[in-house]
Amino acid sequence: QVHLVESGGGLVQAGGSLRLSCAASRSIFSFNVMNWYRQSPGKQRELVATLQGASINYADFVKGRFTISRDNAKNTVDLQMNSLKPEDTAVYYCNAIASIASGFYGAYWGQGTQVTVSS
């Protein structure tokens, strides 16, 4: 069983910051791709940031404000969120993709952590 657990969500005023962490039951380095997604009620789940090897990508709506990183000592993938806006309010999910065998892969999800940004 692979388990992902998100933490760090909470309530913050617009312009404030939060740091989310994703802890895994196995080495973060065993995953090919690590992602942060978010979802608000009535909206599609959307990709926020991706960490793949040494490559990092961000959605346009968070560029310059959010930073995804790997913490080797804690075996976590973190999302530093600065200059938060009310529209950032959502449940944030950690997602991991790992190869299982040639031509196959598995995708894993955490339970999500709530981020609420007040105006």
Protein backbone atom coordinates (compact mmCIF):
# COMPACT_ATOMS: atom_id res chain seq x y z
CA GLN A 1 0.00 0.00 0.00
CA VAL A 2 1.18 3.49 -0.89
CA HIS A 3 -0.05 6.33 1.33
CA LEU A 4 0.23 10.06 0.80
CA VAL A 5 -0.68 12.50 3.57
CA GLU A 6 -1.03 16.26 3.07
CA SER A 7 -0.71 18.80 5.86
CA GLY A 8 -0.31 22.53 6.37
CA GLY A 9 -3.65 23.85 5.18
CA GLY A 10 -5.57 26.48 7.09
CA LEU A 11 -7.15 29.92 7.08
CA VAL A 12 -5.13 32.91 5.93
CA GLN A 13 -5.87 36.47 4.83
CA ALA A 14 -5.28 37.61 1.27
CA GLY A 15 -1.60 38.34 0.74
CA GLY A 16 -0.54 35.81 3.36
CA SER A 17 1.40 32.56 3.05
CA LEU A 18 1.03 28.86 3.78
CA ARG A 19 3.35 25.89 3.33
CA LEU A 20 1.82 22.53 2.43
CA SER A 21 3.65 19.22 2.83
CA CYS A 22 3.06 15.81 1.29
CA ALA A 23 4.49 12.85 3.22
CA ALA A 24 4.78 9.45 1.55
CA SER A 25 4.98 5.90 2.88
CA ARG A 26 7.90 5.18 0.59
CA SER A 27 10.79 7.22 -0.77
CA ILE A 28 9.78 10.31 -2.69
CA PHE A 29 12.56 9.45 -5.13
CA SER A 30 10.75 6.24 -6.10
CA PHE A 31 8.02 8.30 -7.79
CA ASN A 32 8.51 9.45 -11.36
CA VAL A 33 6.25 12.49 -10.95
CA MET A 34 4.94 14.45 -7.97
CA ASN A 35 2.06 16.88 -8.41
CA TRP A 36 -0.04 19.28 -6.41
CA TYR A 37 -3.67 19.67 -7.52
CA ARG A 38 -6.51 21.72 -6.11
CA GLN A 39 -10.29 21.61 -6.34
CA SER A 40 -13.05 24.00 -5.30
CA PRO A 41 -16.73 23.02 -5.04
CA GLY A 42 -18.38 23.02 -8.45
CA LYS A 43 -15.07 23.21 -10.28
CA GLN A 44 -12.81 20.70 -12.00
CA ARG A 45 -9.70 19.53 -10.22
CA GLU A 46 -6.81 21.55 -11.63
CA LEU A 47 -3.08 21.00 -11.71
CA VAL A 48 -1.12 23.51 -9.65
CA ALA A 49 2.51 22.37 -9.85
CA THR A 50 4.60 19.43 -11.07
CA LEU A 51 7.98 18.06 -10.00
CA GLN A 52 9.50 15.52 -12.41
CA GLY A 53 13.17 14.73 -11.93
CA ALA A 54 14.87 18.09 -12.01
CA SER A 55 12.04 19.73 -13.96
CA ILE A 56 9.41 21.96 -12.38
CA ASN A 57 6.27 23.36 -13.96
CA TYR A 58 3.53 25.63 -12.63
CA ALA A 59 0.06 26.61 -13.68
CA ASP A 60 -0.09 30.18 -14.97
CA PHE A 61 -2.31 31.29 -12.10
CA VAL A 62 0.37 30.49 -9.48
CA LYS A 63 3.59 31.40 -11.30
CA GLY A 64 5.70 33.74 -9.22
CA ARG A 65 3.68 32.98 -6.08
CA PHE A 66 3.97 29.21 -5.42
CA THR A 67 7.07 27.03 -5.17
CA ILE A 68 7.17 23.22 -5.27
CA SER A 69 10.20 21.52 -3.73
CA ARG A 70 11.51 18.22 -2.40
CA ASP A 71 12.69 17.98 1.21
CA ASN A 72 15.09 15.04 1.27
CA ALA A 73 15.52 14.96 5.06
CA LYS A 74 11.77 14.75 5.72
CA ASN A 75 10.88 12.70 2.63
CA THR A 76 8.23 15.21 1.62
CA VAL A 77 7.22 17.28 -1.37
CA ASP A 78 6.24 20.76 -0.27
CA LEU A 79 4.27 23.62 -1.78
CA GLN A 80 5.16 27.09 -0.52
CA MET A 81 2.27 29.44 -1.27
CA ASN A 82 2.85 33.19 -1.06
CA SER A 83 0.71 36.21 -1.96
CA LEU A 84 -2.42 34.12 -1.56
CA LYS A 85 -5.66 35.29 -3.15
CA PRO A 86 -9.28 34.42 -2.29
CA GLU A 87 -9.50 32.48 -5.56
CA ASP A 88 -6.78 30.15 -4.23
CA THR A 89 -9.33 28.76 -1.77
CA ALA A 90 -9.63 25.02 -2.44
CA VAL A 91 -8.79 21.55 -1.20
CA TYR A 92 -5.21 20.85 -2.19
CA TYR A 93 -4.20 17.29 -3.10
CA CYS A 94 -0.86 15.56 -3.41
CA ASN A 95 -0.52 13.18 -6.36
CA ALA A 96 2.29 10.74 -7.16
CA ILE A 97 2.95 8.63 -10.23
CA ALA A 98 5.29 5.63 -10.21
CA SER A 99 6.24 3.04 -12.79
CA ILE A 100 5.21 -0.51 -11.83
CA ALA A 101 6.53 -2.52 -14.77
CA SER A 102 7.45 -1.88 -18.36
CA GLY A 103 4.54 -0.01 -19.93
CA PHE A 104 2.58 0.29 -16.66
CA TYR A 105 2.27 2.88 -13.91
CA GLY A 106 0.33 3.63 -10.76
CA ALA A 107 -1.20 6.89 -9.56
CA TYR A 108 -1.68 7.71 -5.88
CA TRP A 109 -3.58 10.47 -4.06
CA GLY A 110 -3.60 11.97 -0.61
CA GLN A 111 -6.77 12.87 1.30
CA GLY A 112 -6.41 16.59 0.68
CA THR A 113 -5.93 19.61 2.92
CA GLN A 114 -8.21 22.66 3.01
CA VAL A 115 -6.81 26.09 2.18
CA THR A 116 -9.09 29.07 2.79
CA VAL A 117 -8.06 32.61 1.85
CA SER A 118 -10.21 35.42 3.20
CA SER A 119 -10.54 38.89 1.70
